[in-house]
PDB file of N, CA and C in Angstrom:
ATOM      1  N   MET A   1      14.696  -8.893 -19.150  1.00  0.00           N
ATOM      2  CA  MET A   1      13.868  -7.649 -19.201  1.00  0.00           C
ATOM      3  C   MET A   1      13.178  -7.574 -17.867  1.00  0.00           C
ATOM      4  N   LYS A   2      12.551  -8.639 -17.315  1.00  0.00           N
ATOM      5  CA  LYS A   2      11.907  -8.564 -16.021  1.00  0.00           C
ATOM      6  C   LYS A   2      12.839  -8.144 -14.897  1.00  0.00           C
ATOM      7  N   LEU A   3      14.061  -8.606 -14.989  1.00  0.00           N
ATOM      8  CA  LEU A   3      15.029  -8.291 -13.920  1.00  0.00           C
ATOM      9  C   LEU A   3      15.380  -6.836 -14.009  1.00  0.00           C
ATOM     10  N   LEU A   4      15.517  -6.265 -15.148  1.00  0.00           N
ATOM     11  CA  LEU A   4      15.782  -4.809 -15.367  1.00  0.00           C
ATOM     12  C   LEU A   4      14.528  -4.026 -14.784  1.00  0.00           C
ATOM     13  N   THR A   5      13.343  -4.398 -15.071  1.00  0.00           N
ATOM     14  CA  THR A   5      12.157  -3.672 -14.568  1.00  0.00           C
ATOM     15  C   THR A   5      12.102  -3.733 -13.079  1.00  0.00           C
ATOM     16  N   LEU A   6      12.413  -4.886 -12.486  1.00  0.00           N
ATOM     17  CA  LEU A   6      12.436  -5.070 -11.047  1.00  0.00           C
ATOM     18  C   LEU A   6      13.471  -4.204 -10.438  1.00  0.00           C
ATOM     19  N   ALA A   7      14.752  -4.076 -11.047  1.00  0.00           N
ATOM     20  CA  ALA A   7      15.788  -3.292 -10.510  1.00  0.00           C
ATOM     21  C   ALA A   7      15.372  -1.841 -10.573  1.00  0.00           C
ATOM     22  N   ALA A   8      14.733  -1.385 -11.608  1.00  0.00           N
ATOM     23  CA  ALA A   8      14.302   0.002 -11.734  1.00  0.00           C
ATOM     24  C   ALA A   8      13.274   0.286 -10.616  1.00  0.00           C
ATOM     25  N   ALA A   9      12.346  -0.558 -10.430  1.00  0.00           N
ATOM     26  CA  ALA A   9      11.329  -0.382  -9.381  1.00  0.00           C
ATOM     27  C   ALA A   9      11.965  -0.326  -8.016  1.00  0.00           C
ATOM     28  N   CYS A  10      12.839  -1.093  -7.740  1.00  0.00           N
ATOM     29  CA  CYS A  10      13.687  -1.071  -6.449  1.00  0.00           C
ATOM     30  C   CYS A  10      14.419   0.224  -6.279  1.00  0.00           C
ATOM     31  N   ALA A  11      15.001   0.656  -7.291  1.00  0.00           N
ATOM     32  CA  ALA A  11      15.718   1.951  -7.332  1.00  0.00           C
ATOM     33  C   ALA A  11      14.757   3.054  -7.017  1.00  0.00           C
ATOM     34  N   ALA A  12      13.598   3.064  -7.655  1.00  0.00           N
ATOM     35  CA  ALA A  12      12.702   4.172  -7.466  1.00  0.00           C
ATOM     36  C   ALA A  12      12.157   4.176  -6.010  1.00  0.00           C
ATOM     37  N   LEU A  13      11.887   2.988  -5.445  1.00  0.00           N
ATOM     38  CA  LEU A  13      11.322   2.823  -4.096  1.00  0.00           C
ATOM     39  C   LEU A  13      12.406   3.384  -3.138  1.00  0.00           C
ATOM     40  N   VAL A  14      13.744   3.087  -3.316  1.00  0.00           N
ATOM     41  CA  VAL A  14      14.713   3.538  -2.433  1.00  0.00           C
ATOM     42  C   VAL A  14      14.834   5.014  -2.502  1.00  0.00           C
ATOM     43  N   THR A  15      14.748   5.585  -3.674  1.00  0.00           N
ATOM     44  CA  THR A  15      14.792   7.078  -3.833  1.00  0.00           C
ATOM     45  C   THR A  15      13.623   7.707  -3.128  1.00  0.00           C
ATOM     46  N   LEU A  16      12.486   7.221  -3.371  1.00  0.00           N
ATOM     47  CA  LEU A  16      11.259   7.870  -2.699  1.00  0.00           C
ATOM     48  C   LEU A  16      11.308   7.742  -1.198  1.00  0.00           C
ATOM     49  N   SER A  17      11.780   6.620  -0.688  1.00  0.00           N
ATOM     50  CA  SER A  17      11.913   6.407   0.721  1.00  0.00           C
ATOM     51  C   SER A  17      12.979   7.274   1.357  1.00  0.00           C
ATOM     52  N   ALA A  18      13.959   7.601   0.680  1.00  0.00           N
ATOM     53  CA  ALA A  18      15.004   8.450   1.213  1.00  0.00           C
ATOM     54  C   ALA A  18      14.689  10.010   1.181  1.00  0.00           C
ATOM     55  N   ALA A  19      13.746  10.448   0.334  1.00  0.00           N
ATOM     56  CA  ALA A  19      13.342  11.783   0.187  1.00  0.00           C
ATOM     57  C   ALA A  19      12.990  12.486   1.524  1.00  0.00           C
ATOM     58  N   PRO A  20      12.189  11.926   2.378  1.00  0.00           N
ATOM     59  CA  PRO A  20      11.830  12.616   3.634  1.00  0.00           C
ATOM     60  C   PRO A  20      13.021  12.696   4.521  1.00  0.00           C
ATOM     61  N   ALA A  21      13.941  11.829   4.487  1.00  0.00           N
ATOM     62  CA  ALA A  21      15.119  11.782   5.338  1.00  0.00           C
ATOM     63  C   ALA A  21      15.973  13.009   4.972  1.00  0.00           C
ATOM     64  N   ALA A  22      15.978  13.506   3.746  1.00  0.00           N
ATOM     65  CA  ALA A  22      16.698  14.662   3.434  1.00  0.00           C
ATOM     66  C   ALA A  22      16.458  15.868   4.240  1.00  0.00           C
ATOM     67  N   PHE A  23      15.226  16.050   4.797  1.00  0.00           N
ATOM     68  CA  PHE A  23      14.837  17.134   5.563  1.00  0.00           C
ATOM     69  C   PHE A  23      14.998  16.842   7.095  1.00  0.00           C
ATOM     70  N   ALA A  24      15.260  15.571   7.405  1.00  0.00           N
ATOM     71  CA  ALA A  24      15.265  15.231   8.849  1.00  0.00           C
ATOM     72  C   ALA A  24      16.391  15.840   9.628  1.00  0.00           C
ATOM     73  N   GLY A  25      17.543  16.072   9.063  1.00  0.00           N
ATOM     74  CA  GLY A  25      18.690  16.569   9.730  1.00  0.00           C
ATOM     75  C   GLY A  25      18.670  18.082   9.939  1.00  0.00           C
ATOM     76  N   GLU A  26      17.793  18.891   9.333  1.00  0.00           N
ATOM     77  CA  GLU A  26      17.715  20.262   9.360  1.00  0.00           C
ATOM     78  C   GLU A  26      16.533  20.756  10.035  1.00  0.00           C
ATOM     79  N   SER A  27      16.663  21.583  11.046  1.00  0.00           N
ATOM     80  CA  SER A  27      15.575  22.185  11.783  1.00  0.00           C
ATOM     81  C   SER A  27      15.079  23.333  10.986  1.00  0.00           C
ATOM     82  N   VAL A  28      13.818  23.698  11.168  1.00  0.00           N
ATOM     83  CA  VAL A  28      13.187  24.926  10.655  1.00  0.00           C
ATOM     84  C   VAL A  28      13.018  25.808  11.882  1.00  0.00           C
ATOM     85  N   VAL A  29      13.521  27.055  11.826  1.00  0.00           N
ATOM     86  CA  VAL A  29      13.370  27.960  12.939  1.00  0.00           C
ATOM     87  C   VAL A  29      12.638  29.264  12.493  1.00  0.00           C
ATOM     88  N   ALA A  30      11.553  29.557  13.208  1.00  0.00           N
ATOM     89  CA  ALA A  30      10.894  30.793  13.091  1.00  0.00           C
ATOM     90  C   ALA A  30      11.184  31.722  14.294  1.00  0.00           C
ATOM     91  N   LYS A  31      11.894  32.832  14.042  1.00  0.00           N
ATOM     92  CA  LYS A  31      12.244  33.761  15.091  1.00  0.00           C
ATOM     93  C   LYS A  31      11.061  34.707  15.238  1.00  0.00           C
ATOM     94  N   LEU A  32      10.597  34.918  16.419  1.00  0.00           N
ATOM     95  CA  LEU A  32       9.438  35.739  16.719  1.00  0.00           C
ATOM     96  C   LEU A  32       9.809  37.106  17.176  1.00  0.00           C
ATOM     97  N   ALA A  33       8.998  38.139  16.760  1.00  0.00           N
ATOM     98  CA  ALA A  33       9.251  39.506  17.259  1.00  0.00           C
ATOM     99  C   ALA A  33       9.017  39.656  18.768  1.00  0.00           C
ATOM    100  N   GLN A  34       7.963  38.920  19.220  1.00  0.00           N
ATOM    101  CA  GLN A  34       7.624  38.929  20.558  1.00  0.00           C
ATOM    102  C   GLN A  34       7.746  37.463  21.178  1.00  0.00           C
ATOM    103  N   PRO A  35       8.466  37.318  22.268  1.00  0.00           N
ATOM    104  CA  PRO A  35       8.554  36.009  22.816  1.00  0.00           C
ATOM    105  C   PRO A  35       7.182  35.410  23.302  1.00  0.00           C
ATOM    106  N   VAL A  36       7.022  34.125  23.237  1.00  0.00           N
ATOM    107  CA  VAL A  36       5.770  33.527  23.850  1.00  0.00           C
ATOM    108  C   VAL A  36       5.880  33.523  25.304  1.00  0.00           C
ATOM    109  N   THR A  37       4.698  33.557  25.922  1.00  0.00           N
ATOM    110  CA  THR A  37       4.680  33.687  27.402  1.00  0.00           C
ATOM    111  C   THR A  37       4.924  32.324  28.076  1.00  0.00           C
ATOM    112  N   GLN A  38       4.593  31.251  27.386  1.00  0.00           N
ATOM    113  CA  GLN A  38       4.856  29.911  27.890  1.00  0.00           C
ATOM    114  C   GLN A  38       5.162  28.964  26.780  1.00  0.00           C
ATOM    115  N   ALA A  39       5.849  27.946  27.068  1.00  0.00           N
ATOM    116  CA  ALA A  39       6.228  26.880  25.982  1.00  0.00           C
ATOM    117  C   ALA A  39       4.996  26.430  25.388  1.00  0.00           C
ATOM    118  N   THR A  40       4.944  26.332  24.078  1.00  0.00           N
ATOM    119  CA  THR A  40       3.790  25.884  23.293  1.00  0.00           C
ATOM    120  C   THR A  40       4.212  25.080  22.163  1.00  0.00           C
ATOM    121  N   LYS A  41       3.328  24.073  21.783  1.00  0.00           N
ATOM    122  CA  LYS A  41       3.584  23.287  20.538  1.00  0.00           C
ATOM    123  C   LYS A  41       2.466  23.617  19.581  1.00  0.00           C
ATOM    124  N   VAL A  42       2.815  23.743  18.267  1.00  0.00           N
ATOM    125  CA  VAL A  42       1.848  23.908  17.302  1.00  0.00           C
ATOM    126  C   VAL A  42       2.208  23.106  16.035  1.00  0.00           C
ATOM    127  N   ILE A  43       1.204  22.576  15.397  1.00  0.00           N
ATOM    128  CA  ILE A  43       1.438  21.761  14.143  1.00  0.00           C
ATOM    129  C   ILE A  43       1.257  22.675  12.968  1.00  0.00           C
ATOM    130  N   ALA A  44       2.251  22.661  12.127  1.00  0.00           N
ATOM    131  CA  ALA A  44       2.172  23.538  10.825  1.00  0.00           C
ATOM    132  C   ALA A  44       3.045  22.884   9.823  1.00  0.00           C
ATOM    133  N   GLY A  45       2.575  22.839   8.630  1.00  0.00           N
ATOM    134  CA  GLY A  45       3.487  22.297   7.526  1.00  0.00           C
ATOM    135  C   GLY A  45       3.799  20.863   7.793  1.00  0.00           C
ATOM    136  N   GLU A  46       2.964  20.055   8.337  1.00  0.00           N
ATOM    137  CA  GLU A  46       3.172  18.668   8.670  1.00  0.00           C
ATOM    138  C   GLU A  46       4.305  18.431   9.639  1.00  0.00           C
ATOM    139  N   ALA A  47       4.602  19.431  10.486  1.00  0.00           N
ATOM    140  CA  ALA A  47       5.626  19.310  11.489  1.00  0.00           C
ATOM    141  C   ALA A  47       5.180  19.894  12.788  1.00  0.00           C
ATOM    142  N   VAL A  48       5.799  19.457  13.897  1.00  0.00           N
ATOM    143  CA  VAL A  48       5.491  20.032  15.228  1.00  0.00           C
ATOM    144  C   VAL A  48       6.535  21.045  15.516  1.00  0.00           C
ATOM    145  N   PHE A  49       6.125  22.256  15.756  1.00  0.00           N
ATOM    146  CA  PHE A  49       6.925  23.307  16.124  1.00  0.00           C
ATOM    147  C   PHE A  49       6.885  23.500  17.700  1.00  0.00           C
ATOM    148  N   ASN A  50       8.019  23.451  18.349  1.00  0.00           N
ATOM    149  CA  ASN A  50       8.104  23.699  19.720  1.00  0.00           C
ATOM    150  C   ASN A  50       8.551  25.174  19.913  1.00  0.00           C
ATOM    151  N   CYS A  51       7.602  25.939  20.484  1.00  0.00           N
ATOM    152  CA  CYS A  51       7.782  27.363  20.683  1.00  0.00           C
ATOM    153  C   CYS A  51       8.163  27.770  22.109  1.00  0.00           C
ATOM    154  N   GLU A  52       9.227  28.434  22.260  1.00  0.00           N
ATOM    155  CA  GLU A  52       9.659  28.812  23.540  1.00  0.00           C
ATOM    156  C   GLU A  52      10.574  30.069  23.410  1.00  0.00           C
ATOM    157  N   GLY A  53      10.391  31.075  24.250  1.00  0.00           N
ATOM    158  CA  GLY A  53      11.020  32.276  24.155  1.00  0.00           C
ATOM    159  C   GLY A  53      10.652  32.964  22.807  1.00  0.00           C
ATOM    160  N   ASP A  54      11.701  33.334  22.039  1.00  0.00           N
ATOM    161  CA  ASP A  54      11.463  34.026  20.713  1.00  0.00           C
ATOM    162  C   ASP A  54      11.582  33.192  19.587  1.00  0.00           C
ATOM    163  N   ALA A  55      11.516  31.863  19.726  1.00  0.00           N
ATOM    164  CA  ALA A  55      11.735  30.942  18.603  1.00  0.00           C
ATOM    165  C   ALA A  55      10.693  29.752  18.615  1.00  0.00           C
ATOM    166  N   CYS A  56      10.388  29.371  17.405  1.00  0.00           N
ATOM    167  CA  CYS A  56       9.538  28.168  17.223  1.00  0.00           C
ATOM    168  C   CYS A  56      10.456  27.334  16.385  1.00  0.00           C
ATOM    169  N   VAL A  57      10.697  26.035  16.794  1.00  0.00           N
ATOM    170  CA  VAL A  57      11.591  25.174  16.147  1.00  0.00           C
ATOM    171  C   VAL A  57      10.894  23.851  15.807  1.00  0.00           C
ATOM    172  N   ALA A  58      11.005  23.416  14.469  1.00  0.00           N
ATOM    173  CA  ALA A  58      10.633  22.104  14.052  1.00  0.00           C
ATOM    174  C   ALA A  58      11.839  21.290  13.786  1.00  0.00           C
ATOM    175  N   ASN A  59      12.057  20.230  14.600  1.00  0.00           N
ATOM    176  CA  ASN A  59      13.243  19.441  14.487  1.00  0.00           C
ATOM    177  C   ASN A  59      13.064  18.366  13.452  1.00  0.00           C
ATOM    178  N   ALA A  60      11.815  18.034  13.026  1.00  0.00           N
ATOM    179  CA  ALA A  60      11.611  16.933  12.085  1.00  0.00           C
ATOM    180  C   ALA A  60      10.729  17.503  10.943  1.00  0.00           C
ATOM    181  N   PRO A  61      11.285  18.439  10.200  1.00  0.00           N
ATOM    182  CA  PRO A  61      10.470  19.119   9.112  1.00  0.00           C
ATOM    183  C   PRO A  61      10.268  18.204   7.866  1.00  0.00           C
ATOM    184  N   THR A  62       9.203  18.584   7.182  1.00  0.00           N
ATOM    185  CA  THR A  62       8.934  17.896   5.949  1.00  0.00           C
ATOM    186  C   THR A  62       9.169  18.967   4.803  1.00  0.00           C
ATOM    187  N   SER A  63       9.006  18.574   3.587  1.00  0.00           N
ATOM    188  CA  SER A  63       9.059  19.484   2.501  1.00  0.00           C
ATOM    189  C   SER A  63       7.995  20.655   2.647  1.00  0.00           C
ATOM    190  N   GLN A  64       6.863  20.415   3.310  1.00  0.00           N
ATOM    191  CA  GLN A  64       5.928  21.454   3.496  1.00  0.00           C
ATOM    192  C   GLN A  64       6.254  22.485   4.596  1.00  0.00           C
ATOM    193  N   THR A  65       7.198  22.095   5.482  1.00  0.00           N
ATOM    194  CA  THR A  65       7.542  22.940   6.552  1.00  0.00           C
ATOM    195  C   THR A  65       8.257  24.195   6.089  1.00  0.00           C
ATOM    196  N   PHE A  66       8.851  24.132   4.940  1.00  0.00           N
ATOM    197  CA  PHE A  66       9.663  25.264   4.395  1.00  0.00           C
ATOM    198  C   PHE A  66       8.818  26.228   3.656  1.00  0.00           C
ATOM    199  N   SER A  67       7.505  26.043   3.600  1.00  0.00           N
ATOM    200  CA  SER A  67       6.569  26.892   2.775  1.00  0.00           C
ATOM    201  C   SER A  67       6.208  28.158   3.455  1.00  0.00           C
ATOM    202  N   SER A  68       5.720  29.110   2.581  1.00  0.00           N
ATOM    203  CA  SER A  68       5.202  30.461   3.203  1.00  0.00           C
ATOM    204  C   SER A  68       3.987  30.217   3.889  1.00  0.00           C
ATOM    205  N   SER A  69       3.115  29.256   3.474  1.00  0.00           N
ATOM    206  CA  SER A  69       1.881  28.984   4.218  1.00  0.00           C
ATOM    207  C   SER A  69       2.173  28.519   5.644  1.00  0.00           C
ATOM    208  N   THR A  70       3.220  27.750   5.895  1.00  0.00           N
ATOM    209  CA  THR A  70       3.502  27.374   7.151  1.00  0.00           C
ATOM    210  C   THR A  70       4.003  28.461   8.016  1.00  0.00           C
ATOM    211  N   CYS A  71       4.769  29.390   7.477  1.00  0.00           N
ATOM    212  CA  CYS A  71       5.230  30.614   8.175  1.00  0.00           C
ATOM    213  C   CYS A  71       3.951  31.420   8.565  1.00  0.00           C
ATOM    214  N   LYS A  72       2.997  31.506   7.737  1.00  0.00           N
ATOM    215  CA  LYS A  72       1.808  32.197   7.965  1.00  0.00           C
ATOM    216  C   LYS A  72       1.048  31.622   9.141  1.00  0.00           C
ATOM    217  N   VAL A  73       1.026  30.366   9.334  1.00  0.00           N
ATOM    218  CA  VAL A  73       0.421  29.704  10.513  1.00  0.00           C
ATOM    219  C   VAL A  73       1.045  30.192  11.764  1.00  0.00           C
ATOM    220  N   ILE A  74       2.390  30.224  11.756  1.00  0.00           N
ATOM    221  CA  ILE A  74       3.117  30.649  12.921  1.00  0.00           C
ATOM    222  C   ILE A  74       2.882  32.090  13.228  1.00  0.00           C
ATOM    223  N   ALA A  75       2.825  32.943  12.155  1.00  0.00           N
ATOM    224  CA  ALA A  75       2.562  34.408  12.382  1.00  0.00           C
ATOM    225  C   ALA A  75       1.232  34.656  12.827  1.00  0.00           C
ATOM    226  N   ALA A  76       0.287  33.901  12.329  1.00  0.00           N
ATOM    227  CA  ALA A  76      -1.133  34.094  12.741  1.00  0.00           C
ATOM    228  C   ALA A  76      -1.299  33.754  14.259  1.00  0.00           C
ATOM    229  N   LYS A  77      -0.531  32.751  14.688  1.00  0.00           N
ATOM    230  CA  LYS A  77      -0.700  32.246  16.158  1.00  0.00           C
ATOM    231  C   LYS A  77       0.138  33.143  17.071  1.00  0.00           C
ATOM    232  N   PHE A  78       1.272  33.609  16.654  1.00  0.00           N
ATOM    233  CA  PHE A  78       2.233  34.228  17.596  1.00  0.00           C
ATOM    234  C   PHE A  78       2.597  35.710  17.281  1.00  0.00           C
ATOM    235  N   GLY A  79       2.246  36.239  16.096  1.00  0.00           N
ATOM    236  CA  GLY A  79       2.606  37.492  15.706  1.00  0.00           C
ATOM    237  C   GLY A  79       3.722  37.532  14.718  1.00  0.00           C
ATOM    238  N   PRO A  80       4.238  38.670  14.412  1.00  0.00           N
ATOM    239  CA  PRO A  80       5.267  38.828  13.352  1.00  0.00           C
ATOM    240  C   PRO A  80       6.493  37.928  13.542  1.00  0.00           C
ATOM    241  N   VAL A  81       6.969  37.425  12.405  1.00  0.00           N
ATOM    242  CA  VAL A  81       8.129  36.509  12.396  1.00  0.00           C
ATOM    243  C   VAL A  81       9.308  37.368  11.811  1.00  0.00           C
ATOM    244  N   THR A  82      10.375  37.438  12.546  1.00  0.00           N
ATOM    245  CA  THR A  82      11.532  38.278  12.121  1.00  0.00           C
ATOM    246  C   THR A  82      12.502  37.461  11.167  1.00  0.00           C
ATOM    247  N   ALA A  83      12.530  36.193  11.245  1.00  0.00           N
ATOM    248  CA  ALA A  83      13.324  35.350  10.412  1.00  0.00           C
ATOM    249  C   ALA A  83      12.724  33.971  10.324  1.00  0.00           C
ATOM    250  N   TYR A  84      12.832  33.322   9.235  1.00  0.00           N
ATOM    251  CA  TYR A  84      12.300  31.965   9.017  1.00  0.00           C
ATOM    252  C   TYR A  84      13.426  31.208   8.256  1.00  0.00           C
ATOM    253  N   THR A  85      14.094  30.300   8.898  1.00  0.00           N
ATOM    254  CA  THR A  85      15.242  29.616   8.308  1.00  0.00           C
ATOM    255  C   THR A  85      15.049  28.156   8.248  1.00  0.00           C
ATOM    256  N   GLY A  86      15.604  27.463   7.325  1.00  0.00           N
ATOM    257  CA  GLY A  86      15.618  26.049   7.157  1.00  0.00           C
ATOM    258  C   GLY A  86      16.795  25.743   6.301  1.00  0.00           C
ATOM    259  N   SER A  87      16.659  25.278   5.159  1.00  0.00           N
ATOM    260  CA  SER A  87      17.694  24.982   4.286  1.00  0.00           C
ATOM    261  C   SER A  87      18.422  26.271   3.852  1.00  0.00           C
ATOM    262  N   LYS A  88      17.721  27.354   3.881  1.00  0.00           N
ATOM    263  CA  LYS A  88      18.161  28.690   3.657  1.00  0.00           C
ATOM    264  C   LYS A  88      17.205  29.670   4.214  1.00  0.00           C
ATOM    265  N   PRO A  89      17.562  30.930   4.546  1.00  0.00           N
ATOM    266  CA  PRO A  89      16.700  31.877   5.096  1.00  0.00           C
ATOM    267  C   PRO A  89      15.588  32.315   4.080  1.00  0.00           C
ATOM    268  N   MET A  90      14.438  32.627   4.575  1.00  0.00           N
ATOM    269  CA  MET A  90      13.348  33.062   3.736  1.00  0.00           C
ATOM    270  C   MET A  90      13.661  34.504   3.319  1.00  0.00           C
ATOM    271  N   ASP A  91      13.449  34.779   2.001  1.00  0.00           N
ATOM    272  CA  ASP A  91      13.826  36.194   1.631  1.00  0.00           C
ATOM    273  C   ASP A  91      12.836  37.260   2.120  1.00  0.00           C
ATOM    274  N   ASP A  92      13.121  38.494   2.023  1.00  0.00           N
ATOM    275  CA  ASP A  92      12.313  39.575   2.588  1.00  0.00           C
ATOM    276  C   ASP A  92      10.970  39.588   2.015  1.00  0.00           C
ATOM    277  N   THR A  93      10.783  39.324   0.752  1.00  0.00           N
ATOM    278  CA  THR A  93       9.458  39.366   0.060  1.00  0.00           C
ATOM    279  C   THR A  93       8.544  38.327   0.716  1.00  0.00           C
ATOM    280  N   ARG A  94       9.095  37.041   0.828  1.00  0.00           N
ATOM    281  CA  ARG A  94       8.272  36.033   1.323  1.00  0.00           C
ATOM    282  C   ARG A  94       8.012  36.228   2.861  1.00  0.00           C
ATOM    283  N   LEU A  95       8.955  36.783   3.528  1.00  0.00           N
ATOM    284  CA  LEU A  95       8.749  37.039   4.964  1.00  0.00           C
ATOM    285  C   LEU A  95       7.684  38.188   5.147  1.00  0.00           C
ATOM    286  N   ALA A  96       7.716  39.101   4.270  1.00  0.00           N
ATOM    287  CA  ALA A  96       6.622  40.127   4.368  1.00  0.00           C
ATOM    288  C   ALA A  96       5.302  39.552   4.109  1.00  0.00           C
ATOM    289  N   ALA A  97       5.155  38.657   3.137  1.00  0.00           N
ATOM    290  CA  ALA A  97       3.904  37.934   2.850  1.00  0.00           C
ATOM    291  C   ALA A  97       3.412  37.163   4.072  1.00  0.00           C
ATOM    292  N   CYS A  98       4.402  36.467   4.691  1.00  0.00           N
ATOM    293  CA  CYS A  98       4.153  35.665   5.910  1.00  0.00           C
ATOM    294  C   CYS A  98       3.557  36.583   7.029  1.00  0.00           C
ATOM    295  N   ASN A  99       4.147  37.732   7.235  1.00  0.00           N
ATOM    296  CA  ASN A  99       3.800  38.614   8.268  1.00  0.00           C
ATOM    297  C   ASN A  99       2.512  39.395   7.951  1.00  0.00           C
ATOM    298  N   SER A 100       2.011  39.368   6.693  1.00  0.00           N
ATOM    299  CA  SER A 100       0.794  40.091   6.403  1.00  0.00           C
ATOM    300  C   SER A 100      -0.378  39.508   7.206  1.00  0.00           C
ATOM    301  N   VAL A 101      -0.337  38.228   7.539  1.00  0.00           N
ATOM    302  CA  VAL A 101      -1.315  37.632   8.329  1.00  0.00           C
ATOM    303  C   VAL A 101      -1.294  38.221   9.756  1.00  0.00           C
ATOM    304  N   ALA A 102      -0.089  38.389  10.347  1.00  0.00           N
ATOM    305  CA  ALA A 102       0.056  38.954  11.711  1.00  0.00           C
ATOM    306  C   ALA A 102      -0.473  40.359  11.707  1.00  0.00           C
ATOM    307  N   VAL A 103      -0.118  41.197  10.727  1.00  0.00           N
ATOM    308  CA  VAL A 103      -0.586  42.500  10.650  1.00  0.00           C
ATOM    309  C   VAL A 103      -2.116  42.624  10.526  1.00  0.00           C
ATOM    310  N   ALA A 104      -2.742  41.754   9.711  1.00  0.00           N
ATOM    311  CA  ALA A 104      -4.176  41.716   9.595  1.00  0.00           C
ATOM    312  C   ALA A 104      -4.856  41.312  10.942  1.00  0.00           C
ATOM    313  N   ARG A 105      -4.210  40.398  11.696  1.00  0.00           N
ATOM    314  CA  ARG A 105      -4.687  39.963  12.894  1.00  0.00           C
ATOM    315  C   ARG A 105      -4.692  41.116  13.951  1.00  0.00           C
ATOM    316  N   ALA A 106      -3.459  41.777  13.937  1.00  0.00           N
ATOM    317  CA  ALA A 106      -3.284  42.950  14.870  1.00  0.00           C
ATOM    318  C   ALA A 106      -4.371  44.050  14.573  1.00  0.00           C
ATOM    319  N   GLY A 107      -4.756  44.188  13.352  1.00  0.00           N
ATOM    320  CA  GLY A 107      -5.678  45.239  12.991  1.00  0.00           C
ATOM    321  C   GLY A 107      -7.128  44.846  13.309  1.00  0.00           C
ATOM    322  N   GLY A 108      -7.322  43.681  13.920  1.00  0.00           N
ATOM    323  CA  GLY A 108      -8.669  43.326  14.333  1.00  0.00           C
ATOM    324  C   GLY A 108      -9.494  42.481  13.298  1.00  0.00           C
ATOM    325  N   GLY A 109      -8.897  42.330  12.069  1.00  0.00           N
ATOM    326  CA  GLY A 109      -9.511  41.623  11.102  1.00  0.00           C
ATOM    327  C   GLY A 109      -9.426  40.055  11.399  1.00  0.00           C
ATOM    328  N   VAL A 110     -10.397  39.316  10.953  1.00  0.00           N
ATOM    329  CA  VAL A 110     -10.362  37.876  11.080  1.00  0.00           C
ATOM    330  C   VAL A 110      -9.584  37.335   9.904  1.00  0.00           C
ATOM    331  N   GLN A 111      -8.532  36.537  10.207  1.00  0.00           N
ATOM    332  CA  GLN A 111      -7.680  35.988   9.145  1.00  0.00           C
ATOM    333  C   GLN A 111      -7.416  34.594   9.397  1.00  0.00           C
ATOM    334  N   THR A 112      -7.403  33.718   8.366  1.00  0.00           N
ATOM    335  CA  THR A 112      -7.113  32.307   8.536  1.00  0.00           C
ATOM    336  C   THR A 112      -5.945  32.005   7.658  1.00  0.00           C
ATOM    337  N   ALA A 113      -5.229  31.000   7.974  1.00  0.00           N
ATOM    338  CA  ALA A 113      -4.112  30.518   7.284  1.00  0.00           C
ATOM    339  C   ALA A 113      -4.297  29.095   6.975  1.00  0.00           C
ATOM    340  N   LYS A 114      -3.890  28.690   5.758  1.00  0.00           N
ATOM    341  CA  LYS A 114      -3.922  27.266   5.392  1.00  0.00           C
ATOM    342  C   LYS A 114      -2.706  26.563   5.942  1.00  0.00           C
ATOM    343  N   GLN A 115      -2.897  25.306   6.338  1.00  0.00           N
ATOM    344  CA  GLN A 115      -1.799  24.557   6.829  1.00  0.00           C
ATOM    345  C   GLN A 115      -1.257  23.774   5.676  1.00  0.00           C
TER     346      GLN A 115
END
């Protein structure tokens, strides 16, 4: 019985350890409506985005990196996001919610986004 419990614990540990690796091979890309003027790095969704030209790319994303709140951080910093892709593209509804932060910022209102 102890051996069975030990085997189950080891299996759970291996599964949990492998979970972050599932995201490691896939970049998250935020395409920007306006290119950045100079290469910039920003931390959002527990990942480092390298922003250059009209794209911000996170090469080592986590499960948080795929969230709408992470997209909002990018939009608040750089303006509207035209596409947000990772394991699949963000749908139009979520992209509009992401860009609501950029619209509020352009209108002069103070807006914050959670990381």
